[in-house]
N, C-alpha and C. Protein backbone atom coordinates (compact mmCIF):
# COMPACT_ATOMS: atom_id res chain seq x y z
N UNK A 1 49.26 204.28 198.08
CA UNK A 1 48.28 205.13 197.43
C UNK A 1 48.87 205.47 196.07
N UNK A 2 48.60 204.61 195.09
CA UNK A 2 49.33 204.70 193.83
C UNK A 2 48.46 204.93 192.60
N UNK A 3 47.17 205.19 192.79
CA UNK A 3 46.30 205.47 191.65
C UNK A 3 45.50 206.75 191.93
N UNK A 4 45.06 207.42 190.88
CA UNK A 4 44.24 208.61 191.10
C UNK A 4 42.97 208.33 191.92
N UNK A 5 42.37 207.17 191.76
CA UNK A 5 41.17 206.84 192.53
C UNK A 5 41.49 206.76 194.02
N UNK A 6 42.60 206.14 194.38
CA UNK A 6 42.98 206.05 195.79
C UNK A 6 43.32 207.42 196.35
N UNK A 7 44.02 208.22 195.57
CA UNK A 7 44.33 209.59 196.01
C UNK A 7 43.03 210.36 196.25
N UNK A 8 42.07 210.22 195.35
CA UNK A 8 40.79 210.92 195.50
C UNK A 8 40.08 210.51 196.78
N UNK A 9 40.09 209.22 197.09
CA UNK A 9 39.43 208.76 198.32
C UNK A 9 40.15 209.26 199.57
N UNK A 10 41.46 209.19 199.58
CA UNK A 10 42.22 209.69 200.74
C UNK A 10 41.95 211.19 200.91
N UNK A 11 42.07 211.93 199.85
CA UNK A 11 41.92 213.38 199.95
C UNK A 11 40.48 213.79 200.28
N UNK A 12 39.50 213.03 199.82
CA UNK A 12 38.11 213.33 200.17
C UNK A 12 37.89 213.18 201.67
N UNK A 13 38.44 212.12 202.25
CA UNK A 13 38.29 211.89 203.68
C UNK A 13 39.04 212.96 204.47
N UNK A 14 40.26 213.27 204.04
CA UNK A 14 41.03 214.32 204.71
C UNK A 14 40.28 215.65 204.62
N UNK A 15 39.78 215.96 203.44
CA UNK A 15 39.07 217.23 203.24
C UNK A 15 37.89 217.35 204.18
N UNK A 16 37.17 216.26 204.39
CA UNK A 16 36.03 216.30 205.31
C UNK A 16 36.48 216.32 206.77
N UNK A 17 37.38 215.42 207.12
CA UNK A 17 37.74 215.22 208.53
C UNK A 17 38.37 216.46 209.16
N UNK A 18 39.20 217.17 208.43
CA UNK A 18 39.89 218.32 209.05
C UNK A 18 39.53 219.63 208.38
N UNK A 19 38.33 219.69 207.82
CA UNK A 19 37.90 220.95 207.21
C UNK A 19 38.87 221.46 206.17
N UNK A 20 39.33 220.54 205.33
CA UNK A 20 40.31 220.88 204.28
C UNK A 20 41.56 221.55 204.87
N UNK A 21 41.95 221.09 206.04
CA UNK A 21 43.18 221.57 206.67
C UNK A 21 43.00 222.74 207.62
N UNK A 22 41.76 223.15 207.85
CA UNK A 22 41.53 224.31 208.72
C UNK A 22 41.20 223.92 210.16
N UNK A 23 40.89 222.65 210.40
CA UNK A 23 40.52 222.19 211.75
C UNK A 23 41.31 220.92 212.07
N UNK A 24 42.54 221.10 212.52
CA UNK A 24 43.42 219.95 212.68
C UNK A 24 43.42 219.36 214.09
N UNK A 25 42.70 219.99 215.02
CA UNK A 25 42.51 219.43 216.37
C UNK A 25 41.03 219.52 216.69
N UNK A 26 40.51 218.44 217.23
CA UNK A 26 39.08 218.37 217.53
C UNK A 26 38.67 219.48 218.49
N UNK A 27 37.63 220.20 218.13
CA UNK A 27 37.08 221.26 218.97
C UNK A 27 36.06 220.63 219.91
N UNK A 28 36.37 220.57 221.16
CA UNK A 28 35.47 219.97 222.16
C UNK A 28 34.86 221.03 223.07
N UNK A 29 34.77 222.24 222.58
CA UNK A 29 34.18 223.34 223.36
C UNK A 29 32.68 223.42 223.04
N UNK A 30 31.91 222.52 223.63
CA UNK A 30 30.48 222.38 223.36
C UNK A 30 29.63 223.00 224.46
N UNK A 31 28.46 223.47 224.07
CA UNK A 31 27.45 223.85 225.06
C UNK A 31 26.77 222.57 225.54
N UNK A 32 26.12 222.64 226.67
CA UNK A 32 25.40 221.47 227.19
C UNK A 32 24.33 221.02 226.19
N UNK A 33 23.62 221.97 225.60
CA UNK A 33 22.56 221.62 224.65
C UNK A 33 23.12 220.91 223.43
N UNK A 34 24.30 221.29 222.96
CA UNK A 34 24.90 220.66 221.77
C UNK A 34 25.40 219.25 222.06
N UNK A 35 25.83 218.99 223.29
CA UNK A 35 26.34 217.67 223.64
C UNK A 35 25.26 216.60 223.53
N UNK A 36 24.03 216.96 223.83
CA UNK A 36 22.94 215.98 223.86
C UNK A 36 22.74 215.28 222.51
N UNK A 37 22.66 215.98 221.37
CA UNK A 37 22.50 215.26 220.11
C UNK A 37 23.79 214.58 219.62
N UNK A 38 24.94 215.10 220.03
CA UNK A 38 26.20 214.50 219.60
C UNK A 38 26.47 213.20 220.34
N UNK A 39 26.22 213.19 221.66
CA UNK A 39 26.44 212.00 222.50
C UNK A 39 25.18 211.71 223.31
N UNK A 40 24.10 211.29 222.67
CA UNK A 40 22.82 211.14 223.38
C UNK A 40 22.84 210.10 224.50
N UNK A 41 23.62 209.05 224.36
CA UNK A 41 23.65 208.04 225.43
C UNK A 41 24.43 208.52 226.65
N UNK A 42 25.36 209.43 226.45
CA UNK A 42 26.15 209.95 227.58
C UNK A 42 25.49 211.16 228.23
N UNK A 43 24.73 211.91 227.44
CA UNK A 43 24.11 213.14 227.94
C UNK A 43 22.62 213.18 227.58
N UNK A 44 21.82 212.43 228.32
CA UNK A 44 20.38 212.40 228.00
C UNK A 44 19.65 213.69 228.40
N UNK A 45 20.25 214.49 229.27
CA UNK A 45 19.61 215.72 229.72
C UNK A 45 20.64 216.85 229.74
N UNK A 46 20.15 218.07 229.73
CA UNK A 46 21.03 219.24 229.84
C UNK A 46 21.78 219.19 231.17
N UNK A 47 21.10 218.76 232.22
CA UNK A 47 21.74 218.69 233.54
C UNK A 47 22.92 217.72 233.54
N UNK A 48 22.81 216.60 232.81
CA UNK A 48 23.92 215.65 232.77
C UNK A 48 25.10 216.19 231.97
N UNK A 49 24.83 217.08 231.03
CA UNK A 49 25.89 217.65 230.19
C UNK A 49 26.51 218.90 230.80
N UNK A 50 25.77 219.60 231.65
CA UNK A 50 26.20 220.90 232.17
C UNK A 50 27.61 220.91 232.77
N UNK A 51 28.03 219.90 233.54
CA UNK A 51 29.38 219.95 234.12
C UNK A 51 30.51 219.94 233.08
N UNK A 52 30.19 219.55 231.84
CA UNK A 52 31.21 219.43 230.80
C UNK A 52 31.13 220.56 229.78
N UNK A 53 30.14 221.43 229.92
CA UNK A 53 29.94 222.52 228.97
C UNK A 53 31.14 223.46 228.97
N UNK A 54 31.66 223.73 227.80
CA UNK A 54 32.78 224.64 227.60
C UNK A 54 34.00 224.26 228.44
N UNK A 55 34.15 222.94 228.65
CA UNK A 55 35.30 222.40 229.36
C UNK A 55 35.85 221.25 228.50
N UNK A 56 36.60 221.58 227.44
CA UNK A 56 37.04 220.57 226.49
C UNK A 56 37.78 219.38 227.09
N UNK A 57 38.67 219.62 228.03
CA UNK A 57 39.44 218.52 228.62
C UNK A 57 38.51 217.55 229.36
N UNK A 58 37.63 218.07 230.19
CA UNK A 58 36.71 217.21 230.94
C UNK A 58 35.78 216.45 229.99
N UNK A 59 35.31 217.13 228.95
CA UNK A 59 34.43 216.48 227.98
C UNK A 59 35.16 215.36 227.26
N UNK A 60 36.37 215.60 226.81
CA UNK A 60 37.14 214.57 226.11
C UNK A 60 37.32 213.34 226.99
N UNK A 61 37.67 213.55 228.24
CA UNK A 61 37.86 212.42 229.14
C UNK A 61 36.55 211.70 229.42
N UNK A 62 35.45 212.42 229.49
CA UNK A 62 34.14 211.81 229.72
C UNK A 62 33.72 210.93 228.54
N UNK A 63 33.85 211.45 227.33
CA UNK A 63 33.31 210.74 226.17
C UNK A 63 34.28 209.73 225.55
N UNK A 64 35.58 209.88 225.78
CA UNK A 64 36.54 209.00 225.13
C UNK A 64 37.22 208.01 226.07
N UNK A 65 37.25 208.26 227.37
CA UNK A 65 37.91 207.31 228.25
C UNK A 65 37.09 206.03 228.36
N UNK A 66 37.82 204.91 228.53
CA UNK A 66 37.16 203.61 228.63
C UNK A 66 36.85 202.99 227.28
N UNK A 67 37.30 203.61 226.21
CA UNK A 67 37.13 203.04 224.87
C UNK A 67 38.26 203.48 223.96
N UNK A 68 38.41 202.87 222.83
CA UNK A 68 39.48 203.17 221.86
C UNK A 68 40.87 203.06 222.49
N UNK A 69 41.00 202.22 223.51
CA UNK A 69 42.28 202.04 224.18
C UNK A 69 42.56 203.06 225.26
N UNK A 70 41.68 204.01 225.45
CA UNK A 70 41.87 205.02 226.49
C UNK A 70 41.52 204.44 227.85
N UNK A 71 42.35 204.75 228.82
CA UNK A 71 42.17 204.23 230.18
C UNK A 71 41.17 205.06 230.96
N UNK A 72 40.35 204.38 231.73
CA UNK A 72 39.43 205.06 232.66
C UNK A 72 40.24 205.84 233.68
N UNK A 73 39.70 206.95 234.14
CA UNK A 73 40.34 207.73 235.20
C UNK A 73 41.65 208.37 234.81
N UNK A 74 41.89 208.50 233.52
CA UNK A 74 43.15 209.10 233.06
C UNK A 74 42.85 210.36 232.25
N UNK A 75 43.87 210.93 231.69
CA UNK A 75 43.73 212.08 230.80
C UNK A 75 43.81 211.63 229.34
N UNK A 76 43.64 210.32 229.10
CA UNK A 76 43.77 209.78 227.75
C UNK A 76 42.77 210.38 226.77
N UNK A 77 41.53 210.58 227.19
CA UNK A 77 40.54 211.15 226.29
C UNK A 77 41.00 212.47 225.72
N UNK A 78 41.58 213.29 226.57
CA UNK A 78 42.10 214.59 226.14
C UNK A 78 43.38 214.42 225.33
N UNK A 79 44.31 213.61 225.84
CA UNK A 79 45.60 213.44 225.16
C UNK A 79 45.45 212.82 223.78
N UNK A 80 44.46 211.96 223.61
CA UNK A 80 44.29 211.25 222.34
C UNK A 80 42.98 211.64 221.65
N UNK A 81 42.59 212.92 221.80
CA UNK A 81 41.42 213.43 221.09
C UNK A 81 41.74 213.50 219.60
N UNK A 82 40.74 213.76 218.79
CA UNK A 82 40.93 213.81 217.35
C UNK A 82 41.90 214.88 216.92
N UNK A 83 42.86 214.47 216.11
CA UNK A 83 43.87 215.38 215.56
C UNK A 83 44.29 214.89 214.18
N UNK A 84 44.88 215.80 213.46
CA UNK A 84 45.53 215.44 212.22
C UNK A 84 44.61 215.42 211.02
N UNK A 85 45.14 214.93 209.94
CA UNK A 85 44.45 214.93 208.64
C UNK A 85 43.14 214.17 208.67
N UNK A 86 43.10 213.05 209.40
CA UNK A 86 41.86 212.25 209.44
C UNK A 86 41.31 212.16 210.86
N UNK A 87 41.74 213.10 211.72
CA UNK A 87 41.24 213.17 213.08
C UNK A 87 41.43 211.85 213.84
N UNK A 88 42.65 211.36 213.85
CA UNK A 88 43.01 210.17 214.61
C UNK A 88 42.55 210.38 216.05
N UNK A 89 41.85 209.38 216.59
CA UNK A 89 41.28 209.50 217.93
C UNK A 89 41.55 208.22 218.71
N UNK A 90 41.85 208.36 219.99
CA UNK A 90 42.02 207.21 220.89
C UNK A 90 43.45 206.72 220.94
N UNK A 91 43.83 206.24 222.11
CA UNK A 91 45.18 205.70 222.31
C UNK A 91 45.49 204.63 221.26
N UNK A 92 44.53 203.75 220.96
CA UNK A 92 44.77 202.70 219.96
C UNK A 92 45.11 203.30 218.60
N UNK A 93 44.42 204.37 218.22
CA UNK A 93 44.71 205.02 216.95
C UNK A 93 46.11 205.61 216.91
N UNK A 94 46.53 206.25 218.01
CA UNK A 94 47.87 206.82 218.07
C UNK A 94 48.93 205.72 218.13
N UNK A 95 48.64 204.61 218.80
CA UNK A 95 49.58 203.49 218.82
C UNK A 95 49.73 202.90 217.42
N UNK A 96 48.62 202.77 216.70
CA UNK A 96 48.65 202.26 215.32
C UNK A 96 49.51 203.18 214.45
N UNK A 97 49.34 204.50 214.62
CA UNK A 97 50.17 205.45 213.85
C UNK A 97 51.64 205.32 214.21
N UNK A 98 51.93 205.14 215.48
CA UNK A 98 53.33 205.00 215.90
C UNK A 98 53.96 203.78 215.22
N UNK A 99 53.22 202.67 215.20
CA UNK A 99 53.75 201.46 214.55
C UNK A 99 53.94 201.68 213.04
N UNK A 100 53.00 202.35 212.41
CA UNK A 100 53.04 202.52 210.96
C UNK A 100 54.08 203.54 210.51
N UNK A 101 54.32 204.56 211.31
CA UNK A 101 55.19 205.66 210.87
C UNK A 101 56.54 205.71 211.56
N UNK A 102 56.67 205.02 212.70
CA UNK A 102 57.91 205.11 213.47
C UNK A 102 57.98 206.37 214.32
N UNK A 103 56.94 207.19 214.29
CA UNK A 103 56.89 208.40 215.12
C UNK A 103 56.37 208.04 216.50
N UNK A 104 56.80 208.74 217.51
CA UNK A 104 56.31 208.46 218.86
C UNK A 104 55.02 209.25 219.11
N UNK A 105 53.97 208.83 218.41
CA UNK A 105 52.68 209.52 218.48
C UNK A 105 51.99 209.33 219.83
N UNK A 106 52.39 208.35 220.61
CA UNK A 106 51.79 208.16 221.93
C UNK A 106 52.37 209.15 222.93
N UNK A 107 53.69 209.30 222.95
CA UNK A 107 54.32 210.26 223.86
C UNK A 107 54.14 211.69 223.37
N UNK A 108 54.01 211.86 222.05
CA UNK A 108 53.89 213.19 221.46
C UNK A 108 52.71 213.22 220.48
N UNK A 109 51.48 213.17 220.97
CA UNK A 109 50.32 213.09 220.07
C UNK A 109 50.21 214.25 219.08
N UNK A 110 50.73 215.42 219.42
CA UNK A 110 50.66 216.55 218.50
C UNK A 110 51.52 216.36 217.26
N UNK A 111 52.35 215.32 217.23
CA UNK A 111 53.20 215.08 216.06
C UNK A 111 52.34 214.88 214.81
N UNK A 112 51.10 214.42 214.97
CA UNK A 112 50.24 214.21 213.79
C UNK A 112 49.89 215.53 213.10
N UNK A 113 50.03 216.65 213.81
CA UNK A 113 49.76 217.96 213.22
C UNK A 113 51.02 218.66 212.72
N UNK A 114 52.16 218.07 212.95
CA UNK A 114 53.42 218.64 212.46
C UNK A 114 53.38 218.60 210.93
N UNK A 115 53.59 219.74 210.27
CA UNK A 115 53.53 219.75 208.81
C UNK A 115 54.43 218.71 208.14
N UNK A 116 55.53 218.36 208.79
CA UNK A 116 56.43 217.36 208.21
C UNK A 116 55.83 215.96 208.21
N UNK A 117 54.81 215.73 209.04
CA UNK A 117 54.24 214.38 209.17
C UNK A 117 52.73 214.33 208.93
N UNK A 118 52.12 215.47 208.74
CA UNK A 118 50.66 215.58 208.65
C UNK A 118 50.05 214.63 207.62
N UNK A 119 50.50 214.71 206.40
CA UNK A 119 49.93 213.88 205.34
C UNK A 119 50.29 212.41 205.53
N UNK A 120 51.54 212.13 205.90
CA UNK A 120 51.94 210.73 206.11
C UNK A 120 51.11 210.08 207.21
N UNK A 121 50.84 210.83 208.28
CA UNK A 121 50.00 210.28 209.36
C UNK A 121 48.57 210.05 208.88
N UNK A 122 48.04 210.98 208.10
CA UNK A 122 46.69 210.82 207.57
C UNK A 122 46.57 209.59 206.68
N UNK A 123 47.54 209.41 205.81
CA UNK A 123 47.53 208.25 204.91
C UNK A 123 47.72 206.96 205.72
N UNK A 124 48.63 206.98 206.69
CA UNK A 124 48.87 205.79 207.51
C UNK A 124 47.60 205.40 208.27
N UNK A 125 46.87 206.38 208.78
CA UNK A 125 45.63 206.07 209.49
C UNK A 125 44.57 205.55 208.52
N UNK A 126 44.47 206.14 207.36
CA UNK A 126 43.54 205.69 206.32
C UNK A 126 43.78 204.21 206.02
N UNK A 127 45.03 203.85 205.83
CA UNK A 127 45.39 202.46 205.54
C UNK A 127 45.16 201.59 206.77
N UNK A 128 45.61 202.07 207.94
CA UNK A 128 45.49 201.28 209.18
C UNK A 128 44.06 201.00 209.59
N UNK A 129 43.15 201.87 209.21
CA UNK A 129 41.73 201.67 209.53
C UNK A 129 41.05 200.69 208.58
N UNK A 130 41.78 200.20 207.59
CA UNK A 130 41.23 199.22 206.67
C UNK A 130 40.43 199.81 205.52
N UNK A 131 40.75 201.05 205.14
CA UNK A 131 39.98 201.74 204.09
C UNK A 131 40.35 201.34 202.67
N UNK A 132 41.58 200.86 202.45
CA UNK A 132 42.05 200.62 201.08
C UNK A 132 41.15 199.70 200.25
N UNK A 133 40.71 198.56 200.77
CA UNK A 133 39.88 197.69 199.92
C UNK A 133 38.60 198.40 199.44
N UNK A 134 38.05 199.25 200.28
CA UNK A 134 36.83 199.97 199.91
C UNK A 134 37.13 201.08 198.91
N UNK A 135 38.25 201.76 199.09
CA UNK A 135 38.65 202.80 198.15
C UNK A 135 38.92 202.19 196.77
N UNK A 136 39.55 201.03 196.74
CA UNK A 136 39.82 200.37 195.45
C UNK A 136 38.53 200.03 194.71
N UNK A 137 37.48 199.73 195.48
CA UNK A 137 36.15 199.43 194.88
C UNK A 137 35.32 200.70 194.67
N UNK A 138 35.89 201.85 194.99
CA UNK A 138 35.20 203.13 194.87
C UNK A 138 33.94 203.15 195.74
N UNK A 139 34.07 202.64 196.95
CA UNK A 139 32.95 202.52 197.89
C UNK A 139 33.13 203.55 199.02
N UNK A 140 32.59 204.74 198.82
CA UNK A 140 32.74 205.81 199.80
C UNK A 140 32.09 205.46 201.13
N UNK A 141 30.99 204.72 201.10
CA UNK A 141 30.34 204.29 202.35
C UNK A 141 31.27 203.40 203.16
N UNK A 142 31.88 202.42 202.52
CA UNK A 142 32.80 201.52 203.21
C UNK A 142 34.02 202.24 203.76
N UNK A 143 34.57 203.15 202.96
CA UNK A 143 35.72 203.94 203.43
C UNK A 143 35.32 204.74 204.65
N UNK A 144 34.20 205.43 204.56
CA UNK A 144 33.73 206.27 205.67
C UNK A 144 33.48 205.44 206.92
N UNK A 145 32.83 204.31 206.76
CA UNK A 145 32.52 203.46 207.91
C UNK A 145 33.80 203.00 208.61
N UNK A 146 34.82 202.65 207.84
CA UNK A 146 36.06 202.17 208.45
C UNK A 146 36.89 203.29 209.06
N UNK A 147 36.91 204.44 208.44
CA UNK A 147 37.70 205.54 208.98
C UNK A 147 37.00 206.21 210.15
N UNK A 148 35.69 206.38 210.04
CA UNK A 148 34.93 207.16 211.02
C UNK A 148 34.22 206.31 212.06
N UNK A 149 34.01 205.04 211.77
CA UNK A 149 33.27 204.18 212.70
C UNK A 149 31.77 204.24 212.46
N UNK A 150 31.34 205.02 211.52
CA UNK A 150 29.93 205.17 211.16
C UNK A 150 29.85 205.89 209.84
N UNK A 151 28.72 206.51 209.60
CA UNK A 151 28.53 207.21 208.32
C UNK A 151 28.37 208.72 208.51
N UNK A 152 28.92 209.24 209.59
CA UNK A 152 28.84 210.67 209.86
C UNK A 152 29.42 211.46 208.70
N UNK A 153 28.64 212.40 208.19
CA UNK A 153 29.11 213.28 207.12
C UNK A 153 29.23 212.61 205.77
N UNK A 154 28.53 211.49 205.56
CA UNK A 154 28.69 210.75 204.30
C UNK A 154 28.40 211.63 203.08
N UNK A 155 27.34 212.40 203.11
CA UNK A 155 26.98 213.23 201.95
C UNK A 155 28.12 214.21 201.63
N UNK A 156 28.68 214.83 202.66
CA UNK A 156 29.78 215.77 202.44
C UNK A 156 31.02 215.05 201.93
N UNK A 157 31.28 213.87 202.46
CA UNK A 157 32.43 213.09 202.01
C UNK A 157 32.27 212.71 200.53
N UNK A 158 31.07 212.34 200.15
CA UNK A 158 30.82 211.99 198.75
C UNK A 158 30.99 213.22 197.85
N UNK A 159 30.58 214.38 198.33
CA UNK A 159 30.77 215.61 197.55
C UNK A 159 32.26 215.91 197.38
N UNK A 160 33.03 215.75 198.47
CA UNK A 160 34.48 215.95 198.37
C UNK A 160 35.07 214.94 197.38
N UNK A 161 34.62 213.69 197.43
CA UNK A 161 35.14 212.67 196.53
C UNK A 161 34.87 213.07 195.08
N UNK A 162 33.69 213.56 194.80
CA UNK A 162 33.36 214.00 193.45
C UNK A 162 34.29 215.13 193.00
N UNK A 163 34.55 216.08 193.90
CA UNK A 163 35.45 217.19 193.58
C UNK A 163 36.87 216.70 193.29
N UNK A 164 37.34 215.78 194.15
CA UNK A 164 38.69 215.26 193.96
C UNK A 164 38.80 214.43 192.69
N UNK A 165 37.78 213.65 192.39
CA UNK A 165 37.80 212.88 191.14
C UNK A 165 37.86 213.81 189.94
N UNK A 166 37.06 214.85 189.97
CA UNK A 166 37.07 215.82 188.88
C UNK A 166 38.45 216.46 188.74
N UNK A 167 39.03 216.88 189.87
CA UNK A 167 40.34 217.54 189.85
C UNK A 167 41.43 216.60 189.33
N UNK A 168 41.27 215.30 189.58
CA UNK A 168 42.27 214.32 189.16
C UNK A 168 41.95 213.70 187.81
N UNK A 169 40.88 214.15 187.19
CA UNK A 169 40.54 213.66 185.86
C UNK A 169 39.97 212.26 185.83
N UNK A 170 39.29 211.89 186.88
CA UNK A 170 38.70 210.55 186.95
C UNK A 170 37.26 210.62 186.47
């Protein structure tokens, strides 16, 4: 990350993903009604969501196990929920961070929130998710799609990018 444009893209994503540093662990304390629009295929009715309402661990295992490298029937969904600067999620994400940083992020997933490693983990995940080519082209949609898996919060991410560009004199 060696140019102001790349710094702006990294910081815009970090600013959005973790509430500018105020939300460094994913909050999975949802009501049944809120789960339905967030995960419509998993919770088509309030009754299907009710057992997971205000039960973050059970919800994490329900929505994250069986994907992103998380094992079915395990506590992986909870252990590898979103954390850190860019909300790294899933066993595969934590394994990728471990390879990139040399930190044992799989055995100690909270290491991504350690102030000594917070930014390095965020940057490593940004790079590991394949965001750099899009950031170099100043393509916020491409960066967002690769980091987030979709375009969730694109408008807010673009606003953060504009703020960071202004702050960096771009």
